[in-house]
Amino acid sequence: MTKWLPLKLDPAAARVQLSELRDHLAANPQLAEGAMRDFIRARPQVVASMGLLNAAADTIDRWAPELDLIAKHACDLVVGDSRRCAYTLVELEDAAAQSVYDTVPATPYFSNRFNHGYSQIVDWLCLLDGTQNTPDFRDYWGEAAPPQFVGVLVIGRGPLSTAEGRRRMEWRSAKVKVNSHPIWCLTYDDLVARLIDKIDIYAGVPDERVM
């Protein structure tokens, strides 16, 4: 199994690295999946912030890039709270305006890239559910039961151009659960905004006079 790396959330450093991600997105209207993966993995406080997308996580204490799931799947990154066995499982896709929806028909279908990324998270949750009662699972993930997983699919740019497109993506995030685990579907721009809000709630809004 992939080795866990220690990690502690530092709100001030997280704000700096989230600003770097926001500026990088603003300067590049289209970015490939690999480029986004490398950029985010090189900023551990962005990774730590993603752990806050799992409401069951109290203290972010570790993460793993390209986490191996029973030699069948690799998760782009996992971050969470080992004591609570509360983890965020992240799939990063490309960051382009057309990544989420196909351009036709009149009510556009979710793109093949979107569906592929979403299906990967479903497969991860299926594998984890099948092994969670084994000693190997508890040794690796933690003893707390039941484990609390949240899937996150990050894809495309936003906010999306139409109200219907936003509604469909937000509805899927809010209403569709996989074995009771939510899967958040976010564009990269929405991810940055959401994580900045999470940091402000976690640590308090910084004094503007010292920003």
N, C-alpha and C. Protein backbone atom coordinates (compact mmCIF):
# COMPACT_ATOMS: atom_id res chain seq x y z
N MET A 1 0.85 -1.21 0.00
CA MET A 1 0.00 0.00 0.00
C MET A 1 0.88 1.25 0.00
N THR A 2 0.33 2.33 -0.52
CA THR A 2 1.03 3.59 -0.58
C THR A 2 1.34 4.11 0.82
N LYS A 3 2.52 4.65 1.00
CA LYS A 3 2.91 5.17 2.30
C LYS A 3 2.21 6.50 2.58
N TRP A 4 1.66 6.62 3.80
CA TRP A 4 1.06 7.87 4.22
C TRP A 4 2.14 8.91 4.50
N LEU A 5 1.84 10.17 4.18
CA LEU A 5 2.73 11.27 4.47
C LEU A 5 2.09 12.14 5.55
N PRO A 6 2.84 12.56 6.58
CA PRO A 6 2.24 13.40 7.62
C PRO A 6 1.86 14.77 7.07
N LEU A 7 0.80 15.33 7.62
CA LEU A 7 0.31 16.62 7.14
C LEU A 7 -0.47 17.30 8.25
N LYS A 8 -0.24 18.59 8.42
CA LYS A 8 -0.98 19.39 9.39
C LYS A 8 -1.48 20.65 8.71
N LEU A 9 -2.75 20.94 8.88
CA LEU A 9 -3.34 22.12 8.25
C LEU A 9 -2.82 23.39 8.92
N ASP A 10 -2.29 24.30 8.12
CA ASP A 10 -1.83 25.61 8.56
C ASP A 10 -2.68 26.64 7.81
N PRO A 11 -3.70 27.22 8.46
CA PRO A 11 -4.62 28.10 7.75
C PRO A 11 -3.95 29.25 7.00
N ALA A 12 -2.94 29.89 7.61
CA ALA A 12 -2.28 31.01 6.93
C ALA A 12 -1.57 30.55 5.68
N ALA A 13 -0.85 29.44 5.76
CA ALA A 13 -0.16 28.91 4.59
C ALA A 13 -1.16 28.41 3.55
N ALA A 14 -2.28 27.87 4.03
CA ALA A 14 -3.32 27.39 3.10
C ALA A 14 -3.89 28.54 2.29
N ARG A 15 -4.11 29.69 2.92
CA ARG A 15 -4.63 30.84 2.18
C ARG A 15 -3.64 31.28 1.10
N VAL A 16 -2.35 31.24 1.42
CA VAL A 16 -1.33 31.63 0.43
C VAL A 16 -1.35 30.67 -0.74
N GLN A 17 -1.36 29.38 -0.48
CA GLN A 17 -1.30 28.40 -1.56
C GLN A 17 -2.60 28.35 -2.35
N LEU A 18 -3.74 28.60 -1.71
CA LEU A 18 -4.99 28.69 -2.45
C LEU A 18 -5.00 29.93 -3.36
N SER A 19 -4.39 31.00 -2.91
CA SER A 19 -4.26 32.18 -3.77
C SER A 19 -3.39 31.88 -4.97
N GLU A 20 -2.33 31.09 -4.77
CA GLU A 20 -1.48 30.69 -5.89
C GLU A 20 -2.28 29.86 -6.89
N LEU A 21 -3.11 28.95 -6.40
CA LEU A 21 -3.94 28.15 -7.29
C LEU A 21 -4.94 29.03 -8.03
N ARG A 22 -5.56 29.97 -7.35
CA ARG A 22 -6.52 30.88 -7.99
C ARG A 22 -5.84 31.71 -9.08
N ASP A 23 -4.64 32.21 -8.80
CA ASP A 23 -3.91 33.02 -9.78
C ASP A 23 -3.48 32.16 -10.98
N HIS A 24 -3.10 30.93 -10.71
CA HIS A 24 -2.69 30.02 -11.79
C HIS A 24 -3.86 29.74 -12.72
N LEU A 25 -5.04 29.55 -12.15
CA LEU A 25 -6.24 29.32 -12.96
C LEU A 25 -6.59 30.58 -13.76
N ALA A 26 -6.47 31.74 -13.14
CA ALA A 26 -6.80 32.98 -13.83
C ALA A 26 -5.88 33.23 -15.02
N ALA A 27 -4.63 32.79 -14.91
CA ALA A 27 -3.66 33.03 -15.97
C ALA A 27 -3.72 31.97 -17.07
N ASN A 28 -4.44 30.87 -16.83
CA ASN A 28 -4.46 29.76 -17.79
C ASN A 28 -5.89 29.27 -17.97
N PRO A 29 -6.56 29.69 -19.04
CA PRO A 29 -7.96 29.29 -19.23
C PRO A 29 -8.15 27.80 -19.45
N GLN A 30 -7.10 27.10 -19.83
CA GLN A 30 -7.21 25.66 -20.07
C GLN A 30 -5.93 24.97 -19.57
N LEU A 31 -6.10 23.95 -18.74
CA LEU A 31 -4.97 23.23 -18.16
C LEU A 31 -5.24 21.74 -18.20
N ALA A 32 -4.23 20.97 -18.53
CA ALA A 32 -4.36 19.52 -18.64
C ALA A 32 -4.44 18.88 -17.26
N GLU A 33 -4.97 17.67 -17.24
CA GLU A 33 -5.12 16.93 -15.98
C GLU A 33 -3.79 16.78 -15.26
N GLY A 34 -2.76 16.35 -15.97
CA GLY A 34 -1.46 16.14 -15.34
C GLY A 34 -0.88 17.41 -14.76
N ALA A 35 -1.06 18.52 -15.46
CA ALA A 35 -0.55 19.79 -14.96
C ALA A 35 -1.26 20.21 -13.68
N MET A 36 -2.56 20.00 -13.62
CA MET A 36 -3.30 20.34 -12.41
C MET A 36 -2.92 19.43 -11.26
N ARG A 37 -2.74 18.17 -11.56
CA ARG A 37 -2.36 17.22 -10.51
C ARG A 37 -1.00 17.60 -9.91
N ASP A 38 -0.03 17.92 -10.77
CA ASP A 38 1.30 18.29 -10.29
C ASP A 38 1.26 19.59 -9.49
N PHE A 39 0.48 20.56 -9.97
CA PHE A 39 0.42 21.86 -9.30
C PHE A 39 -0.16 21.71 -7.89
N ILE A 40 -1.22 20.94 -7.75
CA ILE A 40 -1.88 20.79 -6.46
C ILE A 40 -1.04 19.93 -5.51
N ARG A 41 -0.47 18.85 -6.01
CA ARG A 41 0.34 18.00 -5.13
C ARG A 41 1.57 18.73 -4.59
N ALA A 42 2.06 19.72 -5.34
CA ALA A 42 3.21 20.49 -4.89
C ALA A 42 2.85 21.52 -3.82
N ARG A 43 1.57 21.63 -3.49
CA ARG A 43 1.09 22.59 -2.49
C ARG A 43 0.31 21.84 -1.42
N PRO A 44 1.03 21.31 -0.43
CA PRO A 44 0.39 20.43 0.56
C PRO A 44 -0.72 21.11 1.36
N GLN A 45 -0.69 22.44 1.48
CA GLN A 45 -1.76 23.09 2.23
C GLN A 45 -3.06 23.17 1.42
N VAL A 46 -2.97 23.17 0.09
CA VAL A 46 -4.18 22.99 -0.72
C VAL A 46 -4.74 21.60 -0.48
N VAL A 47 -3.85 20.61 -0.45
CA VAL A 47 -4.27 19.23 -0.17
C VAL A 47 -4.92 19.15 1.21
N ALA A 48 -4.28 19.73 2.22
CA ALA A 48 -4.83 19.70 3.57
C ALA A 48 -6.21 20.35 3.62
N SER A 49 -6.39 21.44 2.88
CA SER A 49 -7.69 22.12 2.85
C SER A 49 -8.77 21.19 2.30
N MET A 50 -8.41 20.36 1.34
CA MET A 50 -9.38 19.43 0.77
C MET A 50 -9.91 18.46 1.82
N GLY A 51 -9.10 18.18 2.84
CA GLY A 51 -9.58 17.32 3.91
C GLY A 51 -10.80 17.88 4.61
N LEU A 52 -10.96 19.21 4.61
CA LEU A 52 -12.10 19.84 5.26
C LEU A 52 -13.41 19.62 4.50
N LEU A 53 -13.33 19.12 3.26
CA LEU A 53 -14.56 18.80 2.52
C LEU A 53 -15.27 17.59 3.11
N ASN A 54 -14.58 16.87 4.00
CA ASN A 54 -15.20 15.77 4.74
C ASN A 54 -15.56 16.31 6.13
N ALA A 55 -16.85 16.48 6.38
CA ALA A 55 -17.29 17.09 7.63
C ALA A 55 -16.97 16.23 8.85
N ALA A 56 -16.68 14.95 8.64
CA ALA A 56 -16.36 14.06 9.76
C ALA A 56 -14.92 14.19 10.22
N ALA A 57 -14.07 14.87 9.44
CA ALA A 57 -12.66 15.01 9.79
C ALA A 57 -12.49 16.16 10.78
N ASP A 58 -11.87 15.87 11.92
CA ASP A 58 -11.60 16.89 12.94
C ASP A 58 -10.21 17.49 12.78
N THR A 59 -9.21 16.63 12.63
CA THR A 59 -7.82 17.06 12.55
C THR A 59 -7.16 16.41 11.35
N ILE A 60 -6.77 17.19 10.37
CA ILE A 60 -6.08 16.65 9.20
C ILE A 60 -4.66 16.26 9.61
N ASP A 61 -4.33 14.97 9.44
CA ASP A 61 -3.01 14.54 9.91
C ASP A 61 -2.20 13.75 8.89
N ARG A 62 -2.78 13.39 7.73
CA ARG A 62 -1.97 12.67 6.76
C ARG A 62 -2.62 12.69 5.38
N TRP A 63 -1.77 12.41 4.38
CA TRP A 63 -2.27 12.32 3.01
C TRP A 63 -1.39 11.37 2.22
N ALA A 64 -1.85 11.00 1.04
CA ALA A 64 -1.08 10.13 0.15
C ALA A 64 -1.40 10.49 -1.29
N PRO A 65 -0.38 10.69 -2.13
CA PRO A 65 -0.60 10.89 -3.56
C PRO A 65 -0.65 9.54 -4.27
N GLU A 66 -1.44 9.48 -5.33
CA GLU A 66 -1.50 8.26 -6.16
C GLU A 66 -1.66 7.03 -5.28
N LEU A 67 -2.67 7.08 -4.40
CA LEU A 67 -2.85 6.00 -3.44
C LEU A 67 -3.35 4.74 -4.13
N ASP A 68 -2.66 3.66 -3.87
CA ASP A 68 -2.98 2.36 -4.47
C ASP A 68 -4.14 1.71 -3.71
N LEU A 69 -5.18 1.34 -4.43
CA LEU A 69 -6.33 0.67 -3.84
C LEU A 69 -6.34 -0.79 -4.29
N ILE A 70 -5.76 -1.64 -3.48
CA ILE A 70 -5.76 -3.08 -3.67
C ILE A 70 -5.22 -3.45 -5.04
N ALA A 71 -4.25 -2.70 -5.53
CA ALA A 71 -3.58 -2.96 -6.81
C ALA A 71 -4.54 -2.95 -7.99
N LYS A 72 -5.70 -2.32 -7.83
CA LYS A 72 -6.68 -2.25 -8.91
C LYS A 72 -6.92 -0.83 -9.40
N HIS A 73 -6.82 0.13 -8.50
CA HIS A 73 -7.07 1.53 -8.85
C HIS A 73 -6.05 2.40 -8.14
N ALA A 74 -5.83 3.59 -8.68
CA ALA A 74 -4.98 4.58 -8.05
C ALA A 74 -5.77 5.87 -7.90
N CYS A 75 -5.82 6.38 -6.67
CA CYS A 75 -6.54 7.60 -6.37
C CYS A 75 -5.57 8.77 -6.45
N ASP A 76 -5.92 9.84 -7.15
CA ASP A 76 -5.01 10.97 -7.35
C ASP A 76 -4.44 11.47 -6.03
N LEU A 77 -5.29 11.63 -5.03
CA LEU A 77 -4.80 11.94 -3.69
C LEU A 77 -5.90 11.64 -2.68
N VAL A 78 -5.44 11.26 -1.48
CA VAL A 78 -6.33 11.02 -0.34
C VAL A 78 -5.79 11.82 0.83
N VAL A 79 -6.68 12.48 1.57
CA VAL A 79 -6.25 13.28 2.71
C VAL A 79 -7.30 13.16 3.80
N GLY A 80 -6.85 13.13 5.05
CA GLY A 80 -7.86 13.02 6.09
C GLY A 80 -7.35 12.91 7.50
N ASP A 81 -8.25 12.40 8.33
CA ASP A 81 -8.09 12.30 9.78
C ASP A 81 -8.03 10.81 10.12
N SER A 82 -6.84 10.33 10.49
CA SER A 82 -6.67 8.90 10.75
C SER A 82 -7.40 8.46 12.01
N ARG A 83 -7.51 9.34 13.00
CA ARG A 83 -8.17 8.96 14.25
C ARG A 83 -9.66 8.72 14.04
N ARG A 84 -10.27 9.55 13.22
CA ARG A 84 -11.70 9.39 12.92
C ARG A 84 -11.95 8.47 11.74
N CYS A 85 -10.90 8.05 11.05
CA CYS A 85 -11.02 7.28 9.80
C CYS A 85 -11.95 8.04 8.85
N ALA A 86 -11.63 9.33 8.66
CA ALA A 86 -12.43 10.22 7.82
C ALA A 86 -11.54 10.79 6.73
N TYR A 87 -11.80 10.41 5.50
CA TYR A 87 -10.90 10.74 4.41
C TYR A 87 -11.66 11.34 3.22
N THR A 88 -10.97 12.25 2.52
CA THR A 88 -11.44 12.78 1.25
C THR A 88 -10.65 12.12 0.13
N LEU A 89 -11.36 11.50 -0.80
CA LEU A 89 -10.76 10.81 -1.95
C LEU A 89 -10.94 11.70 -3.17
N VAL A 90 -9.84 12.12 -3.79
CA VAL A 90 -9.92 13.16 -4.82
C VAL A 90 -9.51 12.62 -6.19
N GLU A 91 -10.36 12.87 -7.17
CA GLU A 91 -10.05 12.60 -8.58
C GLU A 91 -9.94 13.94 -9.29
N LEU A 92 -8.78 14.21 -9.88
CA LEU A 92 -8.53 15.46 -10.60
C LEU A 92 -8.58 15.21 -12.11
N GLU A 93 -9.43 15.94 -12.79
CA GLU A 93 -9.52 15.86 -14.24
C GLU A 93 -8.98 17.18 -14.82
N ASP A 94 -9.17 17.38 -16.12
CA ASP A 94 -8.60 18.58 -16.73
C ASP A 94 -9.43 19.82 -16.39
N ALA A 95 -8.82 20.98 -16.61
CA ALA A 95 -9.46 22.25 -16.26
C ALA A 95 -9.69 23.05 -17.53
N ALA A 96 -10.82 22.78 -18.18
CA ALA A 96 -11.17 23.49 -19.41
C ALA A 96 -12.67 23.77 -19.40
N ALA A 97 -13.09 24.79 -20.14
CA ALA A 97 -14.49 25.20 -20.12
C ALA A 97 -15.42 24.09 -20.59
N GLN A 98 -14.96 23.23 -21.50
CA GLN A 98 -15.80 22.19 -22.08
C GLN A 98 -15.67 20.85 -21.39
N SER A 99 -15.02 20.80 -20.22
CA SER A 99 -14.73 19.51 -19.58
C SER A 99 -15.96 18.83 -18.98
N VAL A 100 -16.92 19.62 -18.50
CA VAL A 100 -18.03 19.03 -17.75
C VAL A 100 -19.14 18.53 -18.65
N TYR A 101 -19.51 19.32 -19.66
CA TYR A 101 -20.63 18.96 -20.54
C TYR A 101 -20.18 18.91 -21.99
N ASP A 102 -20.82 17.99 -22.75
CA ASP A 102 -20.69 18.04 -24.19
C ASP A 102 -21.47 19.25 -24.72
N THR A 103 -21.13 19.71 -25.90
CA THR A 103 -21.77 20.92 -26.43
C THR A 103 -23.15 20.66 -27.03
N VAL A 104 -23.46 19.42 -27.34
CA VAL A 104 -24.78 19.05 -27.85
C VAL A 104 -25.24 17.82 -27.08
N PRO A 105 -26.55 17.57 -26.98
CA PRO A 105 -27.70 18.23 -27.60
C PRO A 105 -28.10 19.49 -26.83
N ALA A 106 -29.40 19.89 -27.00
CA ALA A 106 -29.87 21.12 -26.37
C ALA A 106 -29.71 21.07 -24.85
N THR A 107 -30.02 19.91 -24.26
CA THR A 107 -29.70 19.68 -22.85
C THR A 107 -28.45 18.83 -22.83
N PRO A 108 -27.29 19.42 -22.64
CA PRO A 108 -26.03 18.70 -22.84
C PRO A 108 -25.86 17.53 -21.88
N TYR A 109 -25.27 16.47 -22.38
CA TYR A 109 -24.90 15.33 -21.55
C TYR A 109 -23.63 15.67 -20.77
N PHE A 110 -23.51 15.06 -19.57
CA PHE A 110 -22.21 15.11 -18.92
C PHE A 110 -21.19 14.46 -19.85
N SER A 111 -20.01 15.04 -19.89
CA SER A 111 -18.99 14.57 -20.83
C SER A 111 -18.46 13.19 -20.44
N ASN A 112 -17.83 12.53 -21.41
CA ASN A 112 -17.20 11.24 -21.11
C ASN A 112 -16.15 11.38 -20.02
N ARG A 113 -15.42 12.49 -20.03
CA ARG A 113 -14.39 12.72 -19.01
C ARG A 113 -15.02 12.84 -17.62
N PHE A 114 -16.14 13.58 -17.55
CA PHE A 114 -16.85 13.71 -16.27
C PHE A 114 -17.32 12.34 -15.79
N ASN A 115 -17.99 11.60 -16.66
CA ASN A 115 -18.52 10.30 -16.27
C ASN A 115 -17.42 9.31 -15.90
N HIS A 116 -16.29 9.39 -16.61
CA HIS A 116 -15.16 8.50 -16.29
C HIS A 116 -14.62 8.82 -14.90
N GLY A 117 -14.42 10.10 -14.60
CA GLY A 117 -13.92 10.48 -13.29
C GLY A 117 -14.87 10.09 -12.17
N TYR A 118 -16.17 10.31 -12.40
CA TYR A 118 -17.17 9.97 -11.40
C TYR A 118 -17.20 8.47 -11.16
N SER A 119 -17.14 7.70 -12.25
CA SER A 119 -17.17 6.24 -12.13
C SER A 119 -15.96 5.70 -11.38
N GLN A 120 -14.81 6.36 -11.55
CA GLN A 120 -13.62 5.94 -10.80
C GLN A 120 -13.86 6.05 -9.31
N ILE A 121 -14.47 7.15 -8.87
CA ILE A 121 -14.73 7.31 -7.45
C ILE A 121 -15.70 6.25 -6.95
N VAL A 122 -16.73 5.94 -7.74
CA VAL A 122 -17.67 4.89 -7.37
C VAL A 122 -16.92 3.56 -7.20
N ASP A 123 -16.00 3.25 -8.10
CA ASP A 123 -15.22 2.01 -7.99
C ASP A 123 -14.35 2.00 -6.74
N TRP A 124 -13.76 3.16 -6.39
CA TRP A 124 -12.95 3.22 -5.16
C TRP A 124 -13.81 2.89 -3.94
N LEU A 125 -15.00 3.50 -3.87
CA LEU A 125 -15.87 3.27 -2.72
C LEU A 125 -16.34 1.84 -2.66
N CYS A 126 -16.57 1.22 -3.81
CA CYS A 126 -16.96 -0.18 -3.86
C CYS A 126 -15.86 -1.07 -3.29
N LEU A 127 -14.62 -0.84 -3.70
CA LEU A 127 -13.50 -1.63 -3.21
C LEU A 127 -13.31 -1.44 -1.70
N LEU A 128 -13.39 -0.21 -1.24
CA LEU A 128 -13.19 0.05 0.18
C LEU A 128 -14.28 -0.58 1.03
N ASP A 129 -15.51 -0.57 0.54
CA ASP A 129 -16.60 -1.19 1.27
C ASP A 129 -16.39 -2.69 1.42
N GLY A 130 -15.83 -3.31 0.39
CA GLY A 130 -15.62 -4.76 0.42
C GLY A 130 -14.52 -5.21 1.35
N THR A 131 -13.67 -4.26 1.80
CA THR A 131 -12.54 -4.64 2.64
C THR A 131 -12.55 -4.00 4.02
N GLN A 132 -13.55 -3.18 4.34
CA GLN A 132 -13.47 -2.37 5.54
C GLN A 132 -13.54 -3.16 6.84
N ASN A 133 -14.00 -4.41 6.80
CA ASN A 133 -14.07 -5.22 8.01
C ASN A 133 -12.87 -6.13 8.19
N THR A 134 -11.82 -5.90 7.44
CA THR A 134 -10.63 -6.75 7.53
C THR A 134 -9.56 -6.08 8.40
N PRO A 135 -8.69 -6.90 9.02
CA PRO A 135 -7.58 -6.31 9.81
C PRO A 135 -6.67 -5.42 8.97
N ASP A 136 -6.42 -5.79 7.72
CA ASP A 136 -5.55 -4.97 6.87
C ASP A 136 -6.13 -3.58 6.67
N PHE A 137 -7.45 -3.50 6.48
CA PHE A 137 -8.09 -2.19 6.31
C PHE A 137 -7.90 -1.35 7.56
N ARG A 138 -8.18 -1.92 8.73
CA ARG A 138 -8.07 -1.15 9.97
C ARG A 138 -6.63 -0.74 10.25
N ASP A 139 -5.68 -1.60 9.92
CA ASP A 139 -4.27 -1.26 10.12
C ASP A 139 -3.86 -0.07 9.25
N TYR A 140 -4.41 -0.02 8.05
CA TYR A 140 -3.99 1.01 7.10
C TYR A 140 -4.78 2.30 7.27
N TRP A 141 -6.09 2.20 7.36
CA TRP A 141 -6.94 3.39 7.35
C TRP A 141 -7.25 3.93 8.74
N GLY A 142 -7.33 3.05 9.73
CA GLY A 142 -7.67 3.47 11.08
C GLY A 142 -8.75 2.60 11.68
N GLU A 143 -8.85 2.65 13.00
CA GLU A 143 -9.73 1.74 13.74
C GLU A 143 -11.17 2.22 13.83
N ALA A 144 -11.40 3.52 13.70
CA ALA A 144 -12.75 4.05 13.91
C ALA A 144 -13.73 3.43 12.93
N ALA A 145 -14.92 3.13 13.41
CA ALA A 145 -15.93 2.52 12.56
C ALA A 145 -17.27 3.24 12.77
N PRO A 146 -18.05 3.39 11.71
CA PRO A 146 -17.68 3.06 10.33
C PRO A 146 -16.76 4.12 9.74
N PRO A 147 -15.98 3.76 8.72
CA PRO A 147 -15.14 4.76 8.07
C PRO A 147 -16.02 5.80 7.37
N GLN A 148 -15.51 7.03 7.30
CA GLN A 148 -16.25 8.12 6.71
C GLN A 148 -15.49 8.62 5.48
N PHE A 149 -15.98 8.25 4.31
CA PHE A 149 -15.32 8.67 3.07
C PHE A 149 -16.18 9.71 2.34
N VAL A 150 -15.50 10.67 1.72
CA VAL A 150 -16.14 11.62 0.82
C VAL A 150 -15.34 11.62 -0.48
N GLY A 151 -16.02 11.43 -1.59
CA GLY A 151 -15.37 11.52 -2.89
C GLY A 151 -15.47 12.95 -3.43
N VAL A 152 -14.43 13.39 -4.12
CA VAL A 152 -14.43 14.72 -4.73
C VAL A 152 -13.93 14.60 -6.16
N LEU A 153 -14.76 14.99 -7.10
CA LEU A 153 -14.39 15.07 -8.51
C LEU A 153 -14.18 16.54 -8.86
N VAL A 154 -12.96 16.89 -9.25
CA VAL A 154 -12.65 18.27 -9.64
C VAL A 154 -12.40 18.29 -11.14
N ILE A 155 -13.19 19.08 -11.85
CA ILE A 155 -13.14 19.06 -13.31
C ILE A 155 -13.65 20.38 -13.87
N GLY A 156 -13.00 20.86 -14.91
CA GLY A 156 -13.53 22.00 -15.66
C GLY A 156 -13.33 23.33 -14.96
N ARG A 157 -13.91 24.35 -15.57
CA ARG A 157 -13.81 25.72 -15.07
C ARG A 157 -15.20 26.23 -14.71
N GLY A 158 -15.22 27.19 -13.84
CA GLY A 158 -16.51 27.67 -13.41
C GLY A 158 -16.44 29.08 -12.88
N PRO A 159 -17.59 29.65 -12.53
CA PRO A 159 -18.86 28.95 -12.53
C PRO A 159 -19.33 28.57 -13.93
N LEU A 160 -20.11 27.51 -14.00
CA LEU A 160 -20.59 27.04 -15.30
C LEU A 160 -21.46 28.11 -15.95
N SER A 161 -21.51 28.08 -17.28
CA SER A 161 -22.08 29.19 -18.04
C SER A 161 -23.59 29.30 -17.94
N THR A 162 -24.29 28.21 -17.62
CA THR A 162 -25.75 28.27 -17.56
C THR A 162 -26.24 27.86 -16.18
N ALA A 163 -27.39 28.44 -15.80
CA ALA A 163 -27.98 28.11 -14.51
C ALA A 163 -28.36 26.64 -14.45
N GLU A 164 -28.85 26.09 -15.56
CA GLU A 164 -29.22 24.68 -15.59
C GLU A 164 -28.00 23.79 -15.39
N GLY A 165 -26.89 24.15 -16.04
CA GLY A 165 -25.68 23.37 -15.86
C GLY A 165 -25.22 23.35 -14.42
N ARG A 166 -25.26 24.51 -13.76
CA ARG A 166 -24.87 24.58 -12.35
C ARG A 166 -25.82 23.76 -11.49
N ARG A 167 -27.12 23.86 -11.77
CA ARG A 167 -28.11 23.14 -10.97
C ARG A 167 -27.91 21.65 -11.07
N ARG A 168 -27.67 21.14 -12.27
CA ARG A 168 -27.51 19.69 -12.44
C ARG A 168 -26.29 19.17 -11.71
N MET A 169 -25.19 19.93 -11.78
CA MET A 169 -23.97 19.50 -11.10
C MET A 169 -24.14 19.58 -9.58
N GLU A 170 -24.77 20.65 -9.09
CA GLU A 170 -24.99 20.79 -7.66
C GLU A 170 -26.00 19.76 -7.15
N TRP A 171 -27.02 19.43 -7.95
CA TRP A 171 -28.00 18.42 -7.55
C TRP A 171 -27.33 17.06 -7.39
N ARG A 172 -26.47 16.72 -8.33
CA ARG A 172 -25.78 15.43 -8.22
C ARG A 172 -24.95 15.37 -6.95
N SER A 173 -24.25 16.45 -6.63
CA SER A 173 -23.44 16.48 -5.41
C SER A 173 -24.30 16.34 -4.16
N ALA A 174 -25.44 17.03 -4.14
CA ALA A 174 -26.26 17.07 -2.93
C ALA A 174 -27.13 15.84 -2.75
N LYS A 175 -27.56 15.23 -3.85
CA LYS A 175 -28.59 14.19 -3.75
C LYS A 175 -28.09 12.76 -3.97
N VAL A 176 -27.01 12.59 -4.72
CA VAL A 176 -26.57 11.24 -5.06
C VAL A 176 -25.50 10.79 -4.07
N LYS A 177 -25.78 9.72 -3.35
CA LYS A 177 -24.83 9.13 -2.42
C LYS A 177 -24.47 7.72 -2.90
N VAL A 178 -23.25 7.31 -2.61
CA VAL A 178 -22.79 5.96 -2.96
C VAL A 178 -22.50 5.24 -1.65
N ASN A 179 -23.37 4.29 -1.31
CA ASN A 179 -23.25 3.58 -0.03
C ASN A 179 -23.18 4.57 1.13
N SER A 180 -23.99 5.61 1.06
CA SER A 180 -24.13 6.70 2.04
C SER A 180 -23.00 7.72 1.99
N HIS A 181 -22.01 7.53 1.11
CA HIS A 181 -20.90 8.48 1.01
C HIS A 181 -21.20 9.51 -0.09
N PRO A 182 -21.07 10.80 0.21
CA PRO A 182 -21.29 11.82 -0.83
C PRO A 182 -20.12 11.88 -1.80
N ILE A 183 -20.41 12.36 -3.00
CA ILE A 183 -19.38 12.66 -3.99
C ILE A 183 -19.62 14.10 -4.44
N TRP A 184 -18.70 14.99 -4.06
CA TRP A 184 -18.81 16.38 -4.47
C TRP A 184 -18.24 16.56 -5.87
N CYS A 185 -18.97 17.26 -6.72
CA CYS A 185 -18.54 17.55 -8.09
C CYS A 185 -18.31 19.06 -8.18
N LEU A 186 -17.06 19.45 -8.40
CA LEU A 186 -16.69 20.86 -8.36
C LEU A 186 -15.81 21.22 -9.54
N THR A 187 -15.99 22.41 -10.09
CA THR A 187 -14.99 22.93 -11.02
C THR A 187 -13.78 23.41 -10.19
N TYR A 188 -12.66 23.64 -10.86
CA TYR A 188 -11.47 24.10 -10.14
C TYR A 188 -11.70 25.46 -9.49
N ASP A 189 -12.38 26.34 -10.19
CA ASP A 189 -12.64 27.67 -9.63
C ASP A 189 -13.57 27.57 -8.42
N ASP A 190 -14.58 26.73 -8.52
CA ASP A 190 -15.48 26.53 -7.38
C ASP A 190 -14.74 25.86 -6.22
N LEU A 191 -13.81 24.97 -6.52
CA LEU A 191 -13.02 24.34 -5.47
C LEU A 191 -12.25 25.37 -4.66
N VAL A 192 -11.58 26.30 -5.34
CA VAL A 192 -10.81 27.33 -4.64
C VAL A 192 -11.73 28.15 -3.74
N ALA A 193 -12.86 28.59 -4.28
CA ALA A 193 -13.79 29.40 -3.48
C ALA A 193 -14.31 28.62 -2.28
N ARG A 194 -14.64 27.35 -2.49
CA ARG A 194 -15.15 26.52 -1.39
C ARG A 194 -14.09 26.32 -0.31
N LEU A 195 -12.85 26.08 -0.71
CA LEU A 195 -11.80 25.83 0.27
C LEU A 195 -11.44 27.09 1.05
N ILE A 196 -11.46 28.25 0.40
CA ILE A 196 -11.23 29.50 1.13
C ILE A 196 -12.30 29.70 2.18
N ASP A 197 -13.56 29.41 1.83
CA ASP A 197 -14.65 29.50 2.81
C ASP A 197 -14.43 28.51 3.96
N LYS A 198 -13.99 27.30 3.64
CA LYS A 198 -13.75 26.29 4.67
C LYS A 198 -12.65 26.74 5.64
N ILE A 199 -11.59 27.32 5.10
CA ILE A 199 -10.50 27.81 5.95
C ILE A 199 -11.00 28.93 6.85
N ASP A 200 -11.82 29.84 6.31
CA ASP A 200 -12.35 30.94 7.11
C ASP A 200 -13.23 30.41 8.24
N ILE A 201 -14.02 29.38 7.98
CA ILE A 201 -14.87 28.79 9.02
C ILE A 201 -14.00 28.06 10.04
N TYR A 202 -12.98 27.35 9.57
CA TYR A 202 -12.12 26.55 10.44
C TYR A 202 -11.27 27.43 11.36
N ALA A 203 -10.71 28.51 10.81
CA ALA A 203 -9.75 29.31 11.56
C ALA A 203 -10.21 30.72 11.88
N GLY A 204 -11.34 31.13 11.31
CA GLY A 204 -11.79 32.49 11.48
C GLY A 204 -11.32 33.38 10.34
N VAL A 205 -12.10 34.37 10.00
CA VAL A 205 -11.75 35.29 8.92
C VAL A 205 -10.57 36.14 9.36
N PRO A 206 -9.51 36.23 8.55
CA PRO A 206 -8.34 37.00 8.96
C PRO A 206 -8.64 38.50 9.04
N ASP A 207 -7.89 39.19 9.88
CA ASP A 207 -8.03 40.64 10.00
C ASP A 207 -7.51 41.27 8.71
N GLU A 208 -8.37 42.02 8.00
CA GLU A 208 -7.99 42.62 6.74
C GLU A 208 -6.79 43.57 6.88
N ARG A 209 -6.57 44.11 8.07
CA ARG A 209 -5.49 45.06 8.26
C ARG A 209 -4.11 44.40 8.15
N VAL A 210 -4.06 43.07 8.31
CA VAL A 210 -2.76 42.38 8.25
C VAL A 210 -2.64 41.51 7.01
N MET A 211 -3.58 41.62 6.09
CA MET A 211 -3.55 40.82 4.87
C MET A 211 -2.53 41.42 3.88
